[in-house]
Amino acid sequence: MPATPPDALLFITPGCAHCPAVLQALGELVKQTLIGKLTVVNLAAHPEQAAQYGVRAAPWLRLGDFTLTGARSLAELRQWAEWASGEEGAAHYVEHLLKEGGYQHAAAFIAADPQRLKPLLAIIADPEAGIDVRLGVSALLETYADTPQLQALLPQLAELSRHADRRMRTDACHLLGLTGSAAACAHVAARLDDDSAEVREIAAEAMERLETAKRERK
């Protein structure tokens, strides 16, 4: 079944240098059926709607679940429209927010639907991901320590704990420890004899946390 195209809400203002180009590009994407519906609001004429969405400047775009501001080319908007139609788009959006220093916005985006945690593992597993983005994603995941939402990711984290890259194994062991789940113990224990001293250290810390959680459940 083809993905449902996202709807778009665009705020523009008179005299805005970038608004016409963004509006034209979005109109083209509607024609290409990459966007389902386009709603355009003049910020000056409807400040109450701008206040409802927290709009302070134009162009301001809500594309599916994503909020984008400033000038965007047709190619950029086409890519965001495609991402907004699939689960993996959540990871791209969070990465975008973190690169712009929008950790709180990323946290709110995840809190609105904790199922968006799963796509974030793609960033953890990406050796090309920047350190700031990796740290931001780890912090987002850590927020859900000992919760069913993080525990639901145990199969993916277990697989990451066997990754060829020691960084992935290190991050996976840390997050497995944070699940607080007894089911994570075997995967963490397997890394106690890892070739990497860093992985062994983090695995030991994770195992200690899991053991503590086990005792507290008794």
C-alpha atoms as a PDB file:
ATOM      1  CA  MET A   1       0.000   0.000   0.000  1.00  0.00           C
ATOM      2  CA  PRO A   2       1.493   3.363  -1.001  1.00  0.00           C
ATOM      3  CA  ALA A   3       2.265   5.802   1.785  1.00  0.00           C
ATOM      4  CA  THR A   4      -0.299   8.514   2.461  1.00  0.00           C
ATOM      5  CA  PRO A   5       1.109  11.871   1.351  1.00  0.00           C
ATOM      6  CA  PRO A   6       1.399  14.427   4.156  1.00  0.00           C
ATOM      7  CA  ASP A   7      -0.681  17.594   4.315  1.00  0.00           C
ATOM      8  CA  ALA A   8       1.039  20.966   4.480  1.00  0.00           C
ATOM      9  CA  LEU A   9       0.252  24.142   6.406  1.00  0.00           C
ATOM     10  CA  LEU A  10       2.204  27.201   5.292  1.00  0.00           C
ATOM     11  CA  PHE A  11       2.313  30.617   6.961  1.00  0.00           C
ATOM     12  CA  ILE A  12       3.429  33.502   4.781  1.00  0.00           C
ATOM     13  CA  THR A  13       3.678  37.272   5.231  1.00  0.00           C
ATOM     14  CA  PRO A  14       3.494  40.216   2.799  1.00  0.00           C
ATOM     15  CA  GLY A  15       6.936  41.228   1.643  1.00  0.00           C
ATOM     16  CA  CYS A  16       8.522  37.911   2.623  1.00  0.00           C
ATOM     17  CA  ALA A  17      11.468  37.265   0.295  1.00  0.00           C
ATOM     18  CA  HIS A  18      11.320  33.468   0.507  1.00  0.00           C
ATOM     19  CA  CYS A  19       7.579  32.829   0.823  1.00  0.00           C
ATOM     20  CA  PRO A  20       6.709  32.908  -2.909  1.00  0.00           C
ATOM     21  CA  ALA A  21       9.342  30.314  -3.797  1.00  0.00           C
ATOM     22  CA  VAL A  22       8.301  27.987  -0.969  1.00  0.00           C
ATOM     23  CA  LEU A  23       4.629  28.396  -1.900  1.00  0.00           C
ATOM     24  CA  GLN A  24       5.353  27.637  -5.553  1.00  0.00           C
ATOM     25  CA  ALA A  25       7.396  24.566  -4.653  1.00  0.00           C
ATOM     26  CA  LEU A  26       4.672  23.217  -2.374  1.00  0.00           C
ATOM     27  CA  GLY A  27       2.097  23.769  -5.102  1.00  0.00           C
ATOM     28  CA  GLU A  28       4.248  21.712  -7.451  1.00  0.00           C
ATOM     29  CA  LEU A  29       4.443  18.900  -4.888  1.00  0.00           C
ATOM     30  CA  VAL A  30       0.642  18.920  -4.588  1.00  0.00           C
ATOM     31  CA  LYS A  31       0.462  18.445  -8.363  1.00  0.00           C
ATOM     32  CA  GLN A  32       2.910  15.550  -8.052  1.00  0.00           C
ATOM     33  CA  THR A  33       0.711  14.028  -5.292  1.00  0.00           C
ATOM     34  CA  LEU A  34       3.633  14.134  -2.849  1.00  0.00           C
ATOM     35  CA  ILE A  35       1.514  16.447  -0.678  1.00  0.00           C
ATOM     36  CA  GLY A  36      -2.140  15.699  -0.046  1.00  0.00           C
ATOM     37  CA  LYS A  37      -3.462  19.151   0.840  1.00  0.00           C
ATOM     38  CA  LEU A  38      -1.883  22.596   1.060  1.00  0.00           C
ATOM     39  CA  THR A  39      -3.328  25.240   3.385  1.00  0.00           C
ATOM     40  CA  VAL A  40      -1.853  28.745   3.164  1.00  0.00           C
ATOM     41  CA  VAL A  41      -2.345  31.327   5.922  1.00  0.00           C
ATOM     42  CA  ASN A  42      -1.379  34.992   5.785  1.00  0.00           C
ATOM     43  CA  LEU A  43       0.280  35.549   9.140  1.00  0.00           C
ATOM     44  CA  ALA A  44      -0.569  39.261   9.096  1.00  0.00           C
ATOM     45  CA  ALA A  45      -4.256  38.572   8.445  1.00  0.00           C
ATOM     46  CA  HIS A  46      -4.571  35.748  10.985  1.00  0.00           C
ATOM     47  CA  PRO A  47      -2.198  36.390  13.893  1.00  0.00           C
ATOM     48  CA  GLU A  48      -4.426  34.257  16.125  1.00  0.00           C
ATOM     49  CA  GLN A  49      -3.600  31.180  14.038  1.00  0.00           C
ATOM     50  CA  ALA A  50       0.069  32.096  14.099  1.00  0.00           C
ATOM     51  CA  ALA A  51      -0.090  32.266  17.891  1.00  0.00           C
ATOM     52  CA  GLN A  52      -1.806  28.868  17.996  1.00  0.00           C
ATOM     53  CA  TYR A  53       1.174  27.267  16.240  1.00  0.00           C
ATOM     54  CA  GLY A  54       3.860  29.435  17.793  1.00  0.00           C
ATOM     55  CA  VAL A  55       4.763  31.026  14.462  1.00  0.00           C
ATOM     56  CA  ARG A  56       7.103  33.995  14.788  1.00  0.00           C
ATOM     57  CA  ALA A  57       8.436  34.373  11.258  1.00  0.00           C
ATOM     58  CA  ALA A  58       7.662  33.268   7.717  1.00  0.00           C
ATOM     59  CA  PRO A  59       7.881  31.111   5.783  1.00  0.00           C
ATOM     60  CA  TRP A  60       6.807  28.615   8.452  1.00  0.00           C
ATOM     61  CA  LEU A  61       5.766  25.154   7.311  1.00  0.00           C
ATOM     62  CA  ARG A  62       4.101  22.230   9.042  1.00  0.00           C
ATOM     63  CA  LEU A  63       4.585  19.242   6.743  1.00  0.00           C
ATOM     64  CA  GLY A  64       2.952  16.187   8.221  1.00  0.00           C
ATOM     65  CA  ASP A  65       4.479  15.969  11.704  1.00  0.00           C
ATOM     66  CA  PHE A  66       7.502  18.087  10.794  1.00  0.00           C
ATOM     67  CA  THR A  67       7.956  21.822  11.307  1.00  0.00           C
ATOM     68  CA  LEU A  68      10.344  23.601   8.949  1.00  0.00           C
ATOM     69  CA  THR A  69      11.222  27.286   8.809  1.00  0.00           C
ATOM     70  CA  GLY A  70      13.009  29.559   6.370  1.00  0.00           C
ATOM     71  CA  ALA A  71      13.845  29.143   2.710  1.00  0.00           C
ATOM     72  CA  ARG A  72      13.572  25.625   1.270  1.00  0.00           C
ATOM     73  CA  SER A  73      14.210  24.526  -2.287  1.00  0.00           C
ATOM     74  CA  LEU A  74      11.872  22.293  -4.270  1.00  0.00           C
ATOM     75  CA  ALA A  75      14.364  19.427  -3.911  1.00  0.00           C
ATOM     76  CA  GLU A  76      14.524  19.881  -0.129  1.00  0.00           C
ATOM     77  CA  LEU A  77      10.760  20.011   0.223  1.00  0.00           C
ATOM     78  CA  ARG A  78      10.331  16.947  -1.985  1.00  0.00           C
ATOM     79  CA  GLN A  79      12.732  15.052   0.268  1.00  0.00           C
ATOM     80  CA  TRP A  80      10.939  16.177   3.439  1.00  0.00           C
ATOM     81  CA  ALA A  81       7.580  15.236   1.923  1.00  0.00           C
ATOM     82  CA  GLU A  82       8.886  11.737   1.191  1.00  0.00           C
ATOM     83  CA  TRP A  83      10.344  11.435   4.688  1.00  0.00           C
ATOM     84  CA  ALA A  84       7.075  12.634   6.236  1.00  0.00           C
ATOM     85  CA  SER A  85       5.319   9.667   4.647  1.00  0.00           C
ATOM     86  CA  GLY A  86       7.459   6.990   6.321  1.00  0.00           C
ATOM     87  CA  GLU A  87       8.672   5.892   9.752  1.00  0.00           C
ATOM     88  CA  GLU A  88      12.342   6.485   8.943  1.00  0.00           C
ATOM     89  CA  GLY A  89      11.587  10.176   8.426  1.00  0.00           C
ATOM     90  CA  ALA A  90      11.403  10.635  12.204  1.00  0.00           C
ATOM     91  CA  ALA A  91      15.141   9.939  12.474  1.00  0.00           C
ATOM     92  CA  HIS A  92      15.947  12.477   9.764  1.00  0.00           C
ATOM     93  CA  TYR A  93      13.789  15.085  11.481  1.00  0.00           C
ATOM     94  CA  VAL A  94      15.331  14.507  14.906  1.00  0.00           C
ATOM     95  CA  GLU A  95      18.805  14.690  13.356  1.00  0.00           C
ATOM     96  CA  HIS A  96      17.807  17.970  11.701  1.00  0.00           C
ATOM     97  CA  LEU A  97      16.575  19.395  15.012  1.00  0.00           C
ATOM     98  CA  LEU A  98      19.677  18.312  16.919  1.00  0.00           C
ATOM     99  CA  LYS A  99      21.996  19.824  14.316  1.00  0.00           C
ATOM    100  CA  GLU A 100      20.166  23.136  14.804  1.00  0.00           C
ATOM    101  CA  GLY A 101      20.441  22.935  18.591  1.00  0.00           C
ATOM    102  CA  GLY A 102      16.779  22.069  19.023  1.00  0.00           C
ATOM    103  CA  TYR A 103      17.067  19.330  21.641  1.00  0.00           C
ATOM    104  CA  GLN A 104      13.909  20.439  23.461  1.00  0.00           C
ATOM    105  CA  HIS A 105      11.965  20.404  20.195  1.00  0.00           C
ATOM    106  CA  ALA A 106      13.306  16.912  19.489  1.00  0.00           C
ATOM    107  CA  ALA A 107      12.296  15.758  22.971  1.00  0.00           C
ATOM    108  CA  ALA A 108       8.784  17.142  22.478  1.00  0.00           C
ATOM    109  CA  PHE A 109       8.547  15.460  19.074  1.00  0.00           C
ATOM    110  CA  ILE A 110       9.416  12.086  20.612  1.00  0.00           C
ATOM    111  CA  ALA A 111       7.157  12.611  23.640  1.00  0.00           C
ATOM    112  CA  ALA A 112       4.209  13.191  21.301  1.00  0.00           C
ATOM    113  CA  ASP A 113       4.657   9.631  20.026  1.00  0.00           C
ATOM    114  CA  PRO A 114       7.245   7.452  21.832  1.00  0.00           C
ATOM    115  CA  GLN A 115       7.104   4.967  18.954  1.00  0.00           C
ATOM    116  CA  ARG A 116       9.394   7.452  17.222  1.00  0.00           C
ATOM    117  CA  LEU A 117      12.188   6.146  19.455  1.00  0.00           C
ATOM    118  CA  LYS A 118      12.704   3.099  17.241  1.00  0.00           C
ATOM    119  CA  PRO A 119      13.847   4.997  14.123  1.00  0.00           C
ATOM    120  CA  LEU A 120      16.449   6.786  16.253  1.00  0.00           C
ATOM    121  CA  LEU A 121      18.431   3.556  16.459  1.00  0.00           C
ATOM    122  CA  ALA A 122      19.318   4.101  12.804  1.00  0.00           C
ATOM    123  CA  ILE A 123      21.339   7.131  13.948  1.00  0.00           C
ATOM    124  CA  ILE A 124      23.035   5.135  16.712  1.00  0.00           C
ATOM    125  CA  ALA A 125      23.955   2.532  14.091  1.00  0.00           C
ATOM    126  CA  ASP A 126      25.276   5.085  11.597  1.00  0.00           C
ATOM    127  CA  PRO A 127      29.085   5.369  11.820  1.00  0.00           C
ATOM    128  CA  GLU A 128      28.906   8.631   9.869  1.00  0.00           C
ATOM    129  CA  ALA A 129      26.604  10.346  12.376  1.00  0.00           C
ATOM    130  CA  GLY A 130      28.216  13.350  14.056  1.00  0.00           C
ATOM    131  CA  ILE A 131      29.159  13.115  17.700  1.00  0.00           C
ATOM    132  CA  ASP A 132      26.763  15.910  18.705  1.00  0.00           C
ATOM    133  CA  VAL A 133      23.863  14.138  17.022  1.00  0.00           C
ATOM    134  CA  ARG A 134      24.816  10.770  18.547  1.00  0.00           C
ATOM    135  CA  LEU A 135      25.019  12.311  22.015  1.00  0.00           C
ATOM    136  CA  GLY A 136      21.673  14.032  21.501  1.00  0.00           C
ATOM    137  CA  VAL A 137      19.992  10.818  20.415  1.00  0.00           C
ATOM    138  CA  SER A 138      21.507   8.937  23.361  1.00  0.00           C
ATOM    139  CA  ALA A 139      20.142  11.599  25.705  1.00  0.00           C
ATOM    140  CA  LEU A 140      16.684  11.268  24.155  1.00  0.00           C
ATOM    141  CA  LEU A 141      16.756   7.504  24.601  1.00  0.00           C
ATOM    142  CA  GLU A 142      18.059   7.798  28.168  1.00  0.00           C
ATOM    143  CA  THR A 143      14.956   9.795  29.042  1.00  0.00           C
ATOM    144  CA  TYR A 144      12.990   6.572  28.636  1.00  0.00           C
ATOM    145  CA  ALA A 145      15.132   4.462  30.986  1.00  0.00           C
ATOM    146  CA  ASP A 146      13.199   1.601  32.633  1.00  0.00           C
ATOM    147  CA  THR A 147      10.117   2.240  30.513  1.00  0.00           C
ATOM    148  CA  PRO A 148       8.216  -0.144  28.231  1.00  0.00           C
ATOM    149  CA  GLN A 149       9.068   2.172  25.321  1.00  0.00           C
ATOM    150  CA  LEU A 150      12.803   1.550  25.671  1.00  0.00           C
ATOM    151  CA  GLN A 151      12.311  -2.114  26.552  1.00  0.00           C
ATOM    152  CA  ALA A 152      10.444  -2.556  23.271  1.00  0.00           C
ATOM    153  CA  LEU A 153      13.700  -1.775  21.468  1.00  0.00           C
ATOM    154  CA  LEU A 154      15.564  -4.652  23.121  1.00  0.00           C
ATOM    155  CA  PRO A 155      15.753  -6.832  19.952  1.00  0.00           C
ATOM    156  CA  GLN A 156      17.315  -3.995  17.955  1.00  0.00           C
ATOM    157  CA  LEU A 157      19.687  -3.086  20.790  1.00  0.00           C
ATOM    158  CA  ALA A 158      20.731  -6.721  21.147  1.00  0.00           C
ATOM    159  CA  GLU A 159      21.617  -6.800  17.459  1.00  0.00           C
ATOM    160  CA  LEU A 160      23.585  -3.558  17.801  1.00  0.00           C
ATOM    161  CA  SER A 161      25.525  -5.050  20.704  1.00  0.00           C
ATOM    162  CA  ARG A 162      27.065  -7.462  18.178  1.00  0.00           C
ATOM    163  CA  HIS A 163      27.964  -4.734  15.657  1.00  0.00           C
ATOM    164  CA  ALA A 164      31.466  -4.758  14.157  1.00  0.00           C
ATOM    165  CA  ASP A 165      32.002  -1.142  15.240  1.00  0.00           C
ATOM    166  CA  ARG A 166      32.945  -0.863  18.922  1.00  0.00           C
ATOM    167  CA  ARG A 167      31.086   2.464  19.197  1.00  0.00           C
ATOM    168  CA  MET A 168      27.831   0.739  18.320  1.00  0.00           C
ATOM    169  CA  ARG A 169      28.511  -2.047  20.806  1.00  0.00           C
ATOM    170  CA  THR A 170      29.338   0.501  23.501  1.00  0.00           C
ATOM    171  CA  ASP A 171      26.153   2.503  22.927  1.00  0.00           C
ATOM    172  CA  ALA A 172      24.070  -0.662  22.711  1.00  0.00           C
ATOM    173  CA  CYS A 173      25.403  -1.995  26.035  1.00  0.00           C
ATOM    174  CA  HIS A 174      24.706   1.334  27.718  1.00  0.00           C
ATOM    175  CA  LEU A 175      21.131   1.399  26.431  1.00  0.00           C
ATOM    176  CA  LEU A 176      20.540  -2.275  27.205  1.00  0.00           C
ATOM    177  CA  GLY A 177      21.456  -1.494  30.793  1.00  0.00           C
ATOM    178  CA  LEU A 178      18.963   1.344  30.818  1.00  0.00           C
ATOM    179  CA  THR A 179      16.114  -0.953  29.785  1.00  0.00           C
ATOM    180  CA  GLY A 180      16.229  -2.470  33.270  1.00  0.00           C
ATOM    181  CA  SER A 181      14.989  -5.673  31.673  1.00  0.00           C
ATOM    182  CA  ALA A 182      16.149  -9.115  32.767  1.00  0.00           C
ATOM    183  CA  ALA A 183      16.018 -10.110  29.107  1.00  0.00           C
ATOM    184  CA  ALA A 184      18.906  -7.726  28.428  1.00  0.00           C
ATOM    185  CA  CYS A 185      21.309  -9.520  30.772  1.00  0.00           C
ATOM    186  CA  ALA A 186      22.431 -12.242  28.366  1.00  0.00           C
ATOM    187  CA  HIS A 187      23.228  -9.727  25.633  1.00  0.00           C
ATOM    188  CA  VAL A 188      25.222  -7.505  27.980  1.00  0.00           C
ATOM    189  CA  ALA A 189      27.017 -10.469  29.554  1.00  0.00           C
ATOM    190  CA  ALA A 190      28.213 -11.519  26.105  1.00  0.00           C
ATOM    191  CA  ARG A 191      30.128  -8.240  25.874  1.00  0.00           C
ATOM    192  CA  LEU A 192      31.973  -8.603  29.178  1.00  0.00           C
ATOM    193  CA  ASP A 193      34.757 -10.372  27.259  1.00  0.00           C
ATOM    194  CA  ASP A 194      34.657  -7.996  24.293  1.00  0.00           C
ATOM    195  CA  ASP A 195      37.875  -7.207  22.408  1.00  0.00           C
ATOM    196  CA  SER A 196      37.400  -3.524  23.263  1.00  0.00           C
ATOM    197  CA  ALA A 197      38.242  -2.349  26.779  1.00  0.00           C
ATOM    198  CA  GLU A 198      35.681   0.444  26.402  1.00  0.00           C
ATOM    199  CA  VAL A 199      32.931  -1.993  25.528  1.00  0.00           C
ATOM    200  CA  ARG A 200      33.892  -4.238  28.451  1.00  0.00           C
ATOM    201  CA  GLU A 201      33.752  -1.276  30.839  1.00  0.00           C
ATOM    202  CA  ILE A 202      30.340  -0.103  29.681  1.00  0.00           C
ATOM    203  CA  ALA A 203      29.029  -3.672  29.655  1.00  0.00           C
ATOM    204  CA  ALA A 204      30.139  -4.113  33.271  1.00  0.00           C
ATOM    205  CA  GLU A 205      28.368  -0.901  34.265  1.00  0.00           C
ATOM    206  CA  ALA A 206      25.251  -1.975  32.391  1.00  0.00           C
ATOM    207  CA  MET A 207      25.295  -5.405  34.031  1.00  0.00           C
ATOM    208  CA  GLU A 208      25.579  -3.811  37.460  1.00  0.00           C
ATOM    209  CA  ARG A 209      22.554  -1.656  36.702  1.00  0.00           C
ATOM    210  CA  LEU A 210      20.565  -4.645  35.460  1.00  0.00           C
ATOM    211  CA  GLU A 211      21.464  -6.639  38.562  1.00  0.00           C
ATOM    212  CA  THR A 212      20.333  -3.753  40.753  1.00  0.00           C
ATOM    213  CA  ALA A 213      17.046  -3.549  38.877  1.00  0.00           C
ATOM    214  CA  LYS A 214      16.606  -7.300  39.324  1.00  0.00           C
ATOM    215  CA  ARG A 215      17.116  -7.069  43.087  1.00  0.00           C
ATOM    216  CA  GLU A 216      14.657  -4.174  43.341  1.00  0.00           C
ATOM    217  CA  ARG A 217      11.982  -6.201  41.564  1.00  0.00           C
ATOM    218  CA  LYS A 218      12.178  -8.928  44.211  1.00  0.00           C
END
